[in-house]
Amino acid sequence: MKIKLILLLVLTGVLLGICIVFIKPDAGGTSKEVTTSEIKEDYKTFTYVITKVDGNEYHGKSTDGKTKIQFNSENIKHPLTEKLEVKDKIVAYVESENHINGIVKIEKIENEK
């Protein structure tokens, strides 16, 4: 019985030690929060004008008219901060290697008045 109790205490201590190592954040304070400046450095950006809104589904064309975009607001890695409407100008941040399914973030560009 003593051996089982000692073994239980040792295994509990090992489990507690592993939990502390993996759950406790680094002392260096590294944060995984992504800022806009970091996004601009790591991803390609494209400017589009929204042409059609159908629920969470958005369609648009580039400002030069050469390319089109279609995306669902639920499939973006960083959620939209505001509702988009037809004729809104946006900047799409996409992964460098995966332009089709790699939309990271969509930002609305405020219209100059």
PDB file of N, CA and C in Angstrom:
ATOM      1  N   MET A   1       0.813  -1.195   0.000  1.00  0.00           N
ATOM      2  CA  MET A   1       0.000   0.000   0.000  1.00  0.00           C
ATOM      3  C   MET A   1       0.857   1.260   0.000  1.00  0.00           C
ATOM      4  N   LYS A   2       1.977   1.239   0.753  1.00  0.00           N
ATOM      5  CA  LYS A   2       2.870   2.400   0.789  1.00  0.00           C
ATOM      6  C   LYS A   2       3.472   2.654  -0.587  1.00  0.00           C
ATOM      7  N   ILE A   3       3.807   1.600  -1.286  1.00  0.00           N
ATOM      8  CA  ILE A   3       4.430   1.745  -2.609  1.00  0.00           C
ATOM      9  C   ILE A   3       3.440   2.403  -3.575  1.00  0.00           C
ATOM     10  N   LYS A   4       2.181   2.002  -3.526  1.00  0.00           N
ATOM     11  CA  LYS A   4       1.167   2.593  -4.405  1.00  0.00           C
ATOM     12  C   LYS A   4       0.977   4.074  -4.090  1.00  0.00           C
ATOM     13  N   LEU A   5       0.969   4.422  -2.825  1.00  0.00           N
ATOM     14  CA  LEU A   5       0.809   5.813  -2.421  1.00  0.00           C
ATOM     15  C   LEU A   5       2.001   6.658  -2.866  1.00  0.00           C
ATOM     16  N   ILE A   6       3.204   6.132  -2.694  1.00  0.00           N
ATOM     17  CA  ILE A   6       4.413   6.849  -3.126  1.00  0.00           C
ATOM     18  C   ILE A   6       4.419   7.004  -4.641  1.00  0.00           C
ATOM     19  N   LEU A   7       4.065   5.950  -5.357  1.00  0.00           N
ATOM     20  CA  LEU A   7       4.005   6.010  -6.819  1.00  0.00           C
ATOM     21  C   LEU A   7       2.962   7.039  -7.268  1.00  0.00           C
ATOM     22  N   LEU A   8       1.810   7.076  -6.612  1.00  0.00           N
ATOM     23  CA  LEU A   8       0.773   8.054  -6.933  1.00  0.00           C
ATOM     24  C   LEU A   8       1.272   9.479  -6.710  1.00  0.00           C
ATOM     25  N   LEU A   9       1.964   9.729  -5.619  1.00  0.00           N
ATOM     26  CA  LEU A   9       2.496  11.061  -5.336  1.00  0.00           C
ATOM     27  C   LEU A   9       3.569  11.461  -6.347  1.00  0.00           C
ATOM     28  N   VAL A  10       4.433  10.532  -6.723  1.00  0.00           N
ATOM     29  CA  VAL A  10       5.488  10.830  -7.703  1.00  0.00           C
ATOM     30  C   VAL A  10       4.868  11.152  -9.059  1.00  0.00           C
ATOM     31  N   LEU A  11       3.920  10.352  -9.510  1.00  0.00           N
ATOM     32  CA  LEU A  11       3.276  10.603 -10.804  1.00  0.00           C
ATOM     33  C   LEU A  11       2.473  11.904 -10.792  1.00  0.00           C
ATOM     34  N   THR A  12       1.829  12.212  -9.670  1.00  0.00           N
ATOM     35  CA  THR A  12       1.109  13.481  -9.548  1.00  0.00           C
ATOM     36  C   THR A  12       2.079  14.656  -9.634  1.00  0.00           C
ATOM     37  N   GLY A  13       3.227  14.534  -9.004  1.00  0.00           N
ATOM     38  CA  GLY A  13       4.245  15.590  -9.070  1.00  0.00           C
ATOM     39  C   GLY A  13       4.772  15.783 -10.481  1.00  0.00           C
ATOM     40  N   VAL A  14       5.002  14.682 -11.193  1.00  0.00           N
ATOM     41  CA  VAL A  14       5.476  14.771 -12.580  1.00  0.00           C
ATOM     42  C   VAL A  14       4.414  15.443 -13.446  1.00  0.00           C
ATOM     43  N   LEU A  15       3.169  15.043 -13.293  1.00  0.00           N
ATOM     44  CA  LEU A  15       2.084  15.647 -14.066  1.00  0.00           C
ATOM     45  C   LEU A  15       1.953  17.139 -13.764  1.00  0.00           C
ATOM     46  N   LEU A  16       2.045  17.507 -12.514  1.00  0.00           N
ATOM     47  CA  LEU A  16       1.982  18.914 -12.126  1.00  0.00           C
ATOM     48  C   LEU A  16       3.145  19.700 -12.733  1.00  0.00           C
ATOM     49  N   GLY A  17       4.329  19.121 -12.721  1.00  0.00           N
ATOM     50  CA  GLY A  17       5.496  19.776 -13.322  1.00  0.00           C
ATOM     51  C   GLY A  17       5.329  19.990 -14.817  1.00  0.00           C
ATOM     52  N   ILE A  18       4.809  18.989 -15.507  1.00  0.00           N
ATOM     53  CA  ILE A  18       4.575  19.116 -16.951  1.00  0.00           C
ATOM     54  C   ILE A  18       3.535  20.197 -17.224  1.00  0.00           C
ATOM     55  N   CYS A  19       2.469  20.228 -16.437  1.00  0.00           N
ATOM     56  CA  CYS A  19       1.431  21.253 -16.624  1.00  0.00           C
ATOM     57  C   CYS A  19       1.994  22.655 -16.433  1.00  0.00           C
ATOM     58  N   ILE A  20       2.822  22.836 -15.439  1.00  0.00           N
ATOM     59  CA  ILE A  20       3.407  24.156 -15.181  1.00  0.00           C
ATOM     60  C   ILE A  20       4.287  24.588 -16.344  1.00  0.00           C
ATOM     61  N   VAL A  21       5.068  23.675 -16.890  1.00  0.00           N
ATOM     62  CA  VAL A  21       5.973  24.011 -17.993  1.00  0.00           C
ATOM     63  C   VAL A  21       5.195  24.398 -19.243  1.00  0.00           C
ATOM     64  N   PHE A  22       4.143  23.662 -19.575  1.00  0.00           N
ATOM     65  CA  PHE A  22       3.428  23.911 -20.825  1.00  0.00           C
ATOM     66  C   PHE A  22       2.360  24.990 -20.720  1.00  0.00           C
ATOM     67  N   ILE A  23       1.788  25.198 -19.571  1.00  0.00           N
ATOM     68  CA  ILE A  23       0.723  26.190 -19.427  1.00  0.00           C
ATOM     69  C   ILE A  23       1.271  27.574 -19.114  1.00  0.00           C
ATOM     70  N   LYS A  24       2.309  27.658 -18.333  1.00  0.00           N
ATOM     71  CA  LYS A  24       2.874  28.949 -17.937  1.00  0.00           C
ATOM     72  C   LYS A  24       3.502  29.633 -19.153  1.00  0.00           C
ATOM     73  N   PRO A  25       3.157  30.908 -19.430  1.00  0.00           N
ATOM     74  CA  PRO A  25       3.766  31.616 -20.559  1.00  0.00           C
ATOM     75  C   PRO A  25       5.246  31.888 -20.304  1.00  0.00           C
ATOM     76  N   ASP A  26       5.958  32.098 -21.403  1.00  0.00           N
ATOM     77  CA  ASP A  26       7.387  32.388 -21.297  1.00  0.00           C
ATOM     78  C   ASP A  26       7.625  33.649 -20.488  1.00  0.00           C
ATOM     79  N   ALA A  27       8.749  33.685 -19.786  1.00  0.00           N
ATOM     80  CA  ALA A  27       9.117  34.867 -19.007  1.00  0.00           C
ATOM     81  C   ALA A  27       9.492  36.023 -19.925  1.00  0.00           C
ATOM     82  N   GLY A  28       9.851  35.719 -21.177  1.00  0.00           N
ATOM     83  CA  GLY A  28      10.243  36.745 -22.132  1.00  0.00           C
ATOM     84  C   GLY A  28       9.084  37.611 -22.573  1.00  0.00           C
ATOM     85  N   GLY A  29       7.878  37.198 -22.295  1.00  0.00           N
ATOM     86  CA  GLY A  29       6.714  38.007 -22.637  1.00  0.00           C
ATOM     87  C   GLY A  29       6.379  37.974 -24.114  1.00  0.00           C
ATOM     88  N   THR A  30       6.728  36.909 -24.808  1.00  0.00           N
ATOM     89  CA  THR A  30       6.397  36.831 -26.219  1.00  0.00           C
ATOM     90  C   THR A  30       4.899  36.660 -26.358  1.00  0.00           C
ATOM     91  N   SER A  31       4.315  37.451 -27.209  1.00  0.00           N
ATOM     92  CA  SER A  31       2.876  37.429 -27.397  1.00  0.00           C
ATOM     93  C   SER A  31       2.567  37.014 -28.822  1.00  0.00           C
ATOM     94  N   LYS A  32       1.504  36.271 -28.994  1.00  0.00           N
ATOM     95  CA  LYS A  32       1.098  35.821 -30.324  1.00  0.00           C
ATOM     96  C   LYS A  32       0.092  36.779 -30.956  1.00  0.00           C
ATOM     97  N   GLU A  33      -0.192  37.901 -30.301  1.00  0.00           N
ATOM     98  CA  GLU A  33      -1.141  38.862 -30.837  1.00  0.00           C
ATOM     99  C   GLU A  33      -0.568  39.477 -32.109  1.00  0.00           C
ATOM    100  N   VAL A  34      -1.376  39.520 -33.149  1.00  0.00           N
ATOM    101  CA  VAL A  34      -0.930  40.033 -34.436  1.00  0.00           C
ATOM    102  C   VAL A  34      -1.411  41.466 -34.584  1.00  0.00           C
ATOM    103  N   THR A  35      -0.492  42.356 -34.886  1.00  0.00           N
ATOM    104  CA  THR A  35      -0.869  43.749 -35.103  1.00  0.00           C
ATOM    105  C   THR A  35      -0.893  44.034 -36.590  1.00  0.00           C
ATOM    106  N   THR A  36      -1.496  45.142 -36.956  1.00  0.00           N
ATOM    107  CA  THR A  36      -1.606  45.502 -38.362  1.00  0.00           C
ATOM    108  C   THR A  36      -0.234  45.673 -38.993  1.00  0.00           C
ATOM    109  N   SER A  37       0.730  46.252 -38.273  1.00  0.00           N
ATOM    110  CA  SER A  37       2.058  46.447 -38.848  1.00  0.00           C
ATOM    111  C   SER A  37       2.736  45.114 -39.118  1.00  0.00           C
ATOM    112  N   GLU A  38       2.520  44.111 -38.244  1.00  0.00           N
ATOM    113  CA  GLU A  38       3.088  42.796 -38.487  1.00  0.00           C
ATOM    114  C   GLU A  38       2.425  42.140 -39.690  1.00  0.00           C
ATOM    115  N   ILE A  39       1.133  42.331 -39.843  1.00  0.00           N
ATOM    116  CA  ILE A  39       0.423  41.737 -40.973  1.00  0.00           C
ATOM    117  C   ILE A  39       0.945  42.314 -42.276  1.00  0.00           C
ATOM    118  N   LYS A  40       1.174  43.615 -42.326  1.00  0.00           N
ATOM    119  CA  LYS A  40       1.649  44.238 -43.551  1.00  0.00           C
ATOM    120  C   LYS A  40       3.016  43.706 -43.950  1.00  0.00           C
ATOM    121  N   GLU A  41       3.847  43.321 -42.990  1.00  0.00           N
ATOM    122  CA  GLU A  41       5.182  42.835 -43.299  1.00  0.00           C
ATOM    123  C   GLU A  41       5.174  41.389 -43.770  1.00  0.00           C
ATOM    124  N   ASP A  42       4.276  40.557 -43.232  1.00  0.00           N
ATOM    125  CA  ASP A  42       4.305  39.132 -43.496  1.00  0.00           C
ATOM    126  C   ASP A  42       3.379  38.684 -44.618  1.00  0.00           C
ATOM    127  N   TYR A  43       2.488  39.529 -45.072  1.00  0.00           N
ATOM    128  CA  TYR A  43       1.498  39.120 -46.050  1.00  0.00           C
ATOM    129  C   TYR A  43       1.432  40.106 -47.208  1.00  0.00           C
ATOM    130  N   LYS A  44       0.881  39.627 -48.334  1.00  0.00           N
ATOM    131  CA  LYS A  44       0.647  40.506 -49.474  1.00  0.00           C
ATOM    132  C   LYS A  44      -0.712  41.168 -49.294  1.00  0.00           C
ATOM    133  N   THR A  45      -0.833  42.380 -49.810  1.00  0.00           N
ATOM    134  CA  THR A  45      -2.103  43.097 -49.705  1.00  0.00           C
ATOM    135  C   THR A  45      -2.643  43.408 -51.093  1.00  0.00           C
ATOM    136  N   PHE A  46      -3.961  43.358 -51.205  1.00  0.00           N
ATOM    137  CA  PHE A  46      -4.643  43.691 -52.447  1.00  0.00           C
ATOM    138  C   PHE A  46      -5.825  44.591 -52.101  1.00  0.00           C
ATOM    139  N   THR A  47      -6.113  45.555 -52.968  1.00  0.00           N
ATOM    140  CA  THR A  47      -7.215  46.486 -52.737  1.00  0.00           C
ATOM    141  C   THR A  47      -8.378  46.119 -53.653  1.00  0.00           C
ATOM    142  N   TYR A  48      -9.558  46.006 -53.073  1.00  0.00           N
ATOM    143  CA  TYR A  48     -10.757  45.624 -53.811  1.00  0.00           C
ATOM    144  C   TYR A  48     -11.904  46.562 -53.470  1.00  0.00           C
ATOM    145  N   VAL A  49     -12.933  46.549 -54.324  1.00  0.00           N
ATOM    146  CA  VAL A  49     -14.189  47.247 -54.074  1.00  0.00           C
ATOM    147  C   VAL A  49     -15.273  46.173 -54.010  1.00  0.00           C
ATOM    148  N   ILE A  50     -16.066  46.183 -52.949  1.00  0.00           N
ATOM    149  CA  ILE A  50     -17.131  45.192 -52.779  1.00  0.00           C
ATOM    150  C   ILE A  50     -18.215  45.448 -53.824  1.00  0.00           C
ATOM    151  N   THR A  51     -18.583  44.386 -54.581  1.00  0.00           N
ATOM    152  CA  THR A  51     -19.598  44.519 -55.627  1.00  0.00           C
ATOM    153  C   THR A  51     -20.905  43.822 -55.274  1.00  0.00           C
ATOM    154  N   LYS A  52     -20.850  42.837 -54.357  1.00  0.00           N
ATOM    155  CA  LYS A  52     -22.062  42.097 -54.003  1.00  0.00           C
ATOM    156  C   LYS A  52     -21.928  41.569 -52.578  1.00  0.00           C
ATOM    157  N   VAL A  53     -23.002  41.690 -51.810  1.00  0.00           N
ATOM    158  CA  VAL A  53     -23.042  41.151 -50.449  1.00  0.00           C
ATOM    159  C   VAL A  53     -24.246  40.224 -50.363  1.00  0.00           C
ATOM    160  N   ASP A  54     -23.991  38.979 -49.951  1.00  0.00           N
ATOM    161  CA  ASP A  54     -25.066  37.996 -49.808  1.00  0.00           C
ATOM    162  C   ASP A  54     -24.894  37.292 -48.467  1.00  0.00           C
ATOM    163  N   GLY A  55     -25.434  37.891 -47.399  1.00  0.00           N
ATOM    164  CA  GLY A  55     -25.260  37.339 -46.050  1.00  0.00           C
ATOM    165  C   GLY A  55     -23.817  37.502 -45.600  1.00  0.00           C
ATOM    166  N   ASN A  56     -23.131  36.381 -45.358  1.00  0.00           N
ATOM    167  CA  ASN A  56     -21.712  36.404 -44.981  1.00  0.00           C
ATOM    168  C   ASN A  56     -20.796  36.262 -46.186  1.00  0.00           C
ATOM    169  N   GLU A  57     -21.366  36.161 -47.366  1.00  0.00           N
ATOM    170  CA  GLU A  57     -20.616  35.963 -48.605  1.00  0.00           C
ATOM    171  C   GLU A  57     -20.401  37.324 -49.275  1.00  0.00           C
ATOM    172  N   TYR A  58     -19.143  37.634 -49.592  1.00  0.00           N
ATOM    173  CA  TYR A  58     -18.803  38.918 -50.203  1.00  0.00           C
ATOM    174  C   TYR A  58     -18.098  38.687 -51.534  1.00  0.00           C
ATOM    175  N   HIS A  59     -18.404  39.537 -52.517  1.00  0.00           N
ATOM    176  CA  HIS A  59     -17.752  39.511 -53.820  1.00  0.00           C
ATOM    177  C   HIS A  59     -17.191  40.903 -54.078  1.00  0.00           C
ATOM    178  N   GLY A  60     -16.072  40.953 -54.782  1.00  0.00           N
ATOM    179  CA  GLY A  60     -15.493  42.247 -55.100  1.00  0.00           C
ATOM    180  C   GLY A  60     -14.565  42.152 -56.288  1.00  0.00           C
ATOM    181  N   LYS A  61     -14.148  43.313 -56.783  1.00  0.00           N
ATOM    182  CA  LYS A  61     -13.170  43.346 -57.873  1.00  0.00           C
ATOM    183  C   LYS A  61     -12.075  44.322 -57.498  1.00  0.00           C
ATOM    184  N   SER A  62     -10.906  44.085 -58.067  1.00  0.00           N
ATOM    185  CA  SER A  62      -9.761  44.936 -57.748  1.00  0.00           C
ATOM    186  C   SER A  62      -9.990  46.334 -58.294  1.00  0.00           C
ATOM    187  N   THR A  63      -9.269  47.283 -57.738  1.00  0.00           N
ATOM    188  CA  THR A  63      -9.448  48.673 -58.163  1.00  0.00           C
ATOM    189  C   THR A  63      -9.031  48.877 -59.610  1.00  0.00           C
ATOM    190  N   ASP A  64      -8.125  48.028 -60.108  1.00  0.00           N
ATOM    191  CA  ASP A  64      -7.730  48.137 -61.516  1.00  0.00           C
ATOM    192  C   ASP A  64      -8.609  47.276 -62.424  1.00  0.00           C
ATOM    193  N   GLY A  65      -9.534  46.506 -61.845  1.00  0.00           N
ATOM    194  CA  GLY A  65     -10.472  45.702 -62.616  1.00  0.00           C
ATOM    195  C   GLY A  65      -9.915  44.401 -63.161  1.00  0.00           C
ATOM    196  N   LYS A  66      -8.688  44.043 -62.815  1.00  0.00           N
ATOM    197  CA  LYS A  66      -8.060  42.843 -63.377  1.00  0.00           C
ATOM    198  C   LYS A  66      -8.398  41.561 -62.619  1.00  0.00           C
ATOM    199  N   THR A  67      -8.625  41.648 -61.321  1.00  0.00           N
ATOM    200  CA  THR A  67      -8.889  40.441 -60.531  1.00  0.00           C
ATOM    201  C   THR A  67     -10.157  40.604 -59.710  1.00  0.00           C
ATOM    202  N   LYS A  68     -10.683  39.458 -59.264  1.00  0.00           N
ATOM    203  CA  LYS A  68     -11.884  39.448 -58.433  1.00  0.00           C
ATOM    204  C   LYS A  68     -11.587  38.703 -57.145  1.00  0.00           C
ATOM    205  N   ILE A  69     -12.443  38.922 -56.147  1.00  0.00           N
ATOM    206  CA  ILE A  69     -12.311  38.237 -54.866  1.00  0.00           C
ATOM    207  C   ILE A  69     -13.689  37.766 -54.433  1.00  0.00           C
ATOM    208  N   GLN A  70     -13.711  36.605 -53.777  1.00  0.00           N
ATOM    209  CA  GLN A  70     -14.930  36.083 -53.177  1.00  0.00           C
ATOM    210  C   GLN A  70     -14.520  35.460 -51.854  1.00  0.00           C
ATOM    211  N   PHE A  71     -15.190  35.846 -50.771  1.00  0.00           N
ATOM    212  CA  PHE A  71     -14.839  35.290 -49.471  1.00  0.00           C
ATOM    213  C   PHE A  71     -16.055  35.253 -48.567  1.00  0.00           C
ATOM    214  N   ASN A  72     -15.985  34.377 -47.583  1.00  0.00           N
ATOM    215  CA  ASN A  72     -17.012  34.260 -46.561  1.00  0.00           C
ATOM    216  C   ASN A  72     -16.423  34.823 -45.281  1.00  0.00           C
ATOM    217  N   SER A  73     -17.138  35.705 -44.622  1.00  0.00           N
ATOM    218  CA  SER A  73     -16.591  36.366 -43.434  1.00  0.00           C
ATOM    219  C   SER A  73     -16.278  35.378 -42.313  1.00  0.00           C
ATOM    220  N   GLU A  74     -16.867  34.197 -42.335  1.00  0.00           N
ATOM    221  CA  GLU A  74     -16.603  33.194 -41.304  1.00  0.00           C
ATOM    222  C   GLU A  74     -15.301  32.439 -41.552  1.00  0.00           C
ATOM    223  N   ASN A  75     -14.752  32.512 -42.767  1.00  0.00           N
ATOM    224  CA  ASN A  75     -13.544  31.760 -43.105  1.00  0.00           C
ATOM    225  C   ASN A  75     -12.267  32.585 -43.029  1.00  0.00           C
ATOM    226  N   ILE A  76     -12.355  33.814 -42.546  1.00  0.00           N
ATOM    227  CA  ILE A  76     -11.181  34.675 -42.421  1.00  0.00           C
ATOM    228  C   ILE A  76     -10.545  34.416 -41.062  1.00  0.00           C
ATOM    229  N   LYS A  77      -9.220  34.378 -41.025  1.00  0.00           N
ATOM    230  CA  LYS A  77      -8.521  34.075 -39.774  1.00  0.00           C
ATOM    231  C   LYS A  77      -8.769  35.130 -38.703  1.00  0.00           C
ATOM    232  N   HIS A  78      -8.836  36.403 -39.088  1.00  0.00           N
ATOM    233  CA  HIS A  78      -9.149  37.491 -38.154  1.00  0.00           C
ATOM    234  C   HIS A  78     -10.526  38.026 -38.545  1.00  0.00           C
ATOM    235  N   PRO A  79     -11.514  37.943 -37.666  1.00  0.00           N
ATOM    236  CA  PRO A  79     -12.884  38.318 -38.036  1.00  0.00           C
ATOM    237  C   PRO A  79     -13.011  39.789 -38.429  1.00  0.00           C
ATOM    238  N   LEU A  80     -14.023  40.057 -39.240  1.00  0.00           N
ATOM    239  CA  LEU A  80     -14.300  41.437 -39.657  1.00  0.00           C
ATOM    240  C   LEU A  80     -14.705  42.262 -38.445  1.00  0.00           C
ATOM    241  N   THR A  81     -14.219  43.496 -38.392  1.00  0.00           N
ATOM    242  CA  THR A  81     -14.560  44.372 -37.274  1.00  0.00           C
ATOM    243  C   THR A  81     -15.824  45.178 -37.549  1.00  0.00           C
ATOM    244  N   GLU A  82     -16.188  45.315 -38.823  1.00  0.00           N
ATOM    245  CA  GLU A  82     -17.401  46.048 -39.160  1.00  0.00           C
ATOM    246  C   GLU A  82     -18.041  45.439 -40.398  1.00  0.00           C
ATOM    247  N   LYS A  83     -19.332  45.645 -40.546  1.00  0.00           N
ATOM    248  CA  LYS A  83     -20.089  45.103 -41.673  1.00  0.00           C
ATOM    249  C   LYS A  83     -19.698  45.830 -42.955  1.00  0.00           C
ATOM    250  N   LEU A  84     -19.509  45.065 -44.020  1.00  0.00           N
ATOM    251  CA  LEU A  84     -19.157  45.645 -45.313  1.00  0.00           C
ATOM    252  C   LEU A  84     -20.408  45.788 -46.170  1.00  0.00           C
ATOM    253  N   GLU A  85     -20.411  46.813 -47.007  1.00  0.00           N
ATOM    254  CA  GLU A  85     -21.524  47.064 -47.908  1.00  0.00           C
ATOM    255  C   GLU A  85     -20.994  47.205 -49.323  1.00  0.00           C
ATOM    256  N   VAL A  86     -21.907  47.156 -50.297  1.00  0.00           N
ATOM    257  CA  VAL A  86     -21.535  47.337 -51.697  1.00  0.00           C
ATOM    258  C   VAL A  86     -20.868  48.700 -51.858  1.00  0.00           C
ATOM    259  N   LYS A  87     -19.830  48.766 -52.652  1.00  0.00           N
ATOM    260  CA  LYS A  87     -19.012  49.943 -52.964  1.00  0.00           C
ATOM    261  C   LYS A  87     -18.011  50.300 -51.869  1.00  0.00           C
ATOM    262  N   ASP A  88     -17.924  49.492 -50.804  1.00  0.00           N
ATOM    263  CA  ASP A  88     -16.885  49.715 -49.793  1.00  0.00           C
ATOM    264  C   ASP A  88     -15.539  49.290 -50.360  1.00  0.00           C
ATOM    265  N   LYS A  89     -14.507  50.079 -50.074  1.00  0.00           N
ATOM    266  CA  LYS A  89     -13.140  49.736 -50.467  1.00  0.00           C
ATOM    267  C   LYS A  89     -12.497  48.961 -49.331  1.00  0.00           C
ATOM    268  N   ILE A  90     -11.815  47.859 -49.674  1.00  0.00           N
ATOM    269  CA  ILE A  90     -11.176  47.034 -48.654  1.00  0.00           C
ATOM    270  C   ILE A  90      -9.734  46.729 -49.035  1.00  0.00           C
ATOM    271  N   VAL A  91      -8.951  46.381 -48.031  1.00  0.00           N
ATOM    272  CA  VAL A  91      -7.611  45.840 -48.241  1.00  0.00           C
ATOM    273  C   VAL A  91      -7.657  44.408 -47.743  1.00  0.00           C
ATOM    274  N   ALA A  92      -7.274  43.467 -48.611  1.00  0.00           N
ATOM    275  CA  ALA A  92      -7.253  42.054 -48.236  1.00  0.00           C
ATOM    276  C   ALA A  92      -5.809  41.643 -47.981  1.00  0.00           C
ATOM    277  N   TYR A  93      -5.550  41.107 -46.797  1.00  0.00           N
ATOM    278  CA  TYR A  93      -4.238  40.579 -46.448  1.00  0.00           C
ATOM    279  C   TYR A  93      -4.271  39.080 -46.707  1.00  0.00           C
ATOM    280  N   VAL A  94      -3.386  38.596 -47.578  1.00  0.00           N
ATOM    281  CA  VAL A  94      -3.365  37.172 -47.923  1.00  0.00           C
ATOM    282  C   VAL A  94      -1.986  36.593 -47.674  1.00  0.00           C
ATOM    283  N   GLU A  95      -1.957  35.284 -47.429  1.00  0.00           N
ATOM    284  CA  GLU A  95      -0.687  34.597 -47.246  1.00  0.00           C
ATOM    285  C   GLU A  95       0.101  34.670 -48.547  1.00  0.00           C
ATOM    286  N   SER A  96       1.397  34.813 -48.438  1.00  0.00           N
ATOM    287  CA  SER A  96       2.247  34.939 -49.614  1.00  0.00           C
ATOM    288  C   SER A  96       2.170  33.712 -50.513  1.00  0.00           C
ATOM    289  N   GLU A  97       2.054  32.524 -49.916  1.00  0.00           N
ATOM    290  CA  GLU A  97       2.076  31.285 -50.680  1.00  0.00           C
ATOM    291  C   GLU A  97       0.685  30.801 -51.082  1.00  0.00           C
ATOM    292  N   ASN A  98      -0.362  31.255 -50.423  1.00  0.00           N
ATOM    293  CA  ASN A  98      -1.700  30.717 -50.642  1.00  0.00           C
ATOM    294  C   ASN A  98      -2.686  31.856 -50.845  1.00  0.00           C
ATOM    295  N   HIS A  99      -2.781  32.366 -52.069  1.00  0.00           N
ATOM    296  CA  HIS A  99      -3.658  33.503 -52.347  1.00  0.00           C
ATOM    297  C   HIS A  99      -5.126  33.105 -52.364  1.00  0.00           C
ATOM    298  N   ILE A 100      -5.431  31.855 -52.714  1.00  0.00           N
ATOM    299  CA  ILE A 100      -6.825  31.441 -52.878  1.00  0.00           C
ATOM    300  C   ILE A 100      -7.523  31.283 -51.529  1.00  0.00           C
ATOM    301  N   ASN A 101      -6.988  30.445 -50.655  1.00  0.00           N
ATOM    302  CA  ASN A 101      -7.636  30.171 -49.368  1.00  0.00           C
ATOM    303  C   ASN A 101      -6.897  30.801 -48.203  1.00  0.00           C
ATOM    304  N   GLY A 102      -5.973  31.693 -48.479  1.00  0.00           N
ATOM    305  CA  GLY A 102      -5.140  32.233 -47.418  1.00  0.00           C
ATOM    306  C   GLY A 102      -5.477  33.634 -46.978  1.00  0.00           C
ATOM    307  N   ILE A 103      -6.755  34.013 -47.013  1.00  0.00           N
ATOM    308  CA  ILE A 103      -7.134  35.355 -46.566  1.00  0.00           C
ATOM    309  C   ILE A 103      -6.974  35.426 -45.054  1.00  0.00           C
ATOM    310  N   VAL A 104      -6.137  36.354 -44.624  1.00  0.00           N
ATOM    311  CA  VAL A 104      -5.848  36.498 -43.205  1.00  0.00           C
ATOM    312  C   VAL A 104      -6.751  37.541 -42.568  1.00  0.00           C
ATOM    313  N   LYS A 105      -6.887  38.677 -43.237  1.00  0.00           N
ATOM    314  CA  LYS A 105      -7.641  39.781 -42.638  1.00  0.00           C
ATOM    315  C   LYS A 105      -8.187  40.674 -43.739  1.00  0.00           C
ATOM    316  N   ILE A 106      -9.344  41.259 -43.481  1.00  0.00           N
ATOM    317  CA  ILE A 106      -9.953  42.239 -44.379  1.00  0.00           C
ATOM    318  C   ILE A 106     -10.124  43.527 -43.583  1.00  0.00           C
ATOM    319  N   GLU A 107      -9.641  44.638 -44.153  1.00  0.00           N
ATOM    320  CA  GLU A 107      -9.806  45.947 -43.516  1.00  0.00           C
ATOM    321  C   GLU A 107     -10.558  46.869 -44.457  1.00  0.00           C
ATOM    322  N   LYS A 108     -11.534  47.575 -43.916  1.00  0.00           N
ATOM    323  CA  LYS A 108     -12.274  48.559 -44.699  1.00  0.00           C
ATOM    324  C   LYS A 108     -11.462  49.840 -44.763  1.00  0.00           C
ATOM    325  N   ILE A 109     -11.379  50.420 -45.960  1.00  0.00           N
ATOM    326  CA  ILE A 109     -10.678  51.691 -46.148  1.00  0.00           C
ATOM    327  C   ILE A 109     -11.721  52.800 -46.065  1.00  0.00           C
ATOM    328  N   GLU A 110     -11.473  53.759 -45.203  1.00  0.00           N
ATOM    329  CA  GLU A 110     -12.406  54.881 -45.064  1.00  0.00           C
ATOM    330  C   GLU A 110     -12.345  55.740 -46.321  1.00  0.00           C
ATOM    331  N   ASN A 111     -13.511  56.156 -46.792  1.00  0.00           N
ATOM    332  CA  ASN A 111     -13.582  57.008 -47.977  1.00  0.00           C
ATOM    333  C   ASN A 111     -13.122  58.412 -47.638  1.00  0.00           C
ATOM    334  N   GLU A 112     -12.288  58.973 -48.518  1.00  0.00           N
ATOM    335  CA  GLU A 112     -11.852  60.355 -48.322  1.00  0.00           C
ATOM    336  C   GLU A 112     -12.970  61.279 -48.765  1.00  0.00           C
ATOM    337  N   LYS A 113     -13.225  62.315 -47.980  1.00  0.00           N
ATOM    338  CA  LYS A 113     -14.305  63.252 -48.330  1.00  0.00           C
ATOM    339  C   LYS A 113     -13.751  64.605 -48.642  1.00  0.00           C
TER     340      LYS A 113
END
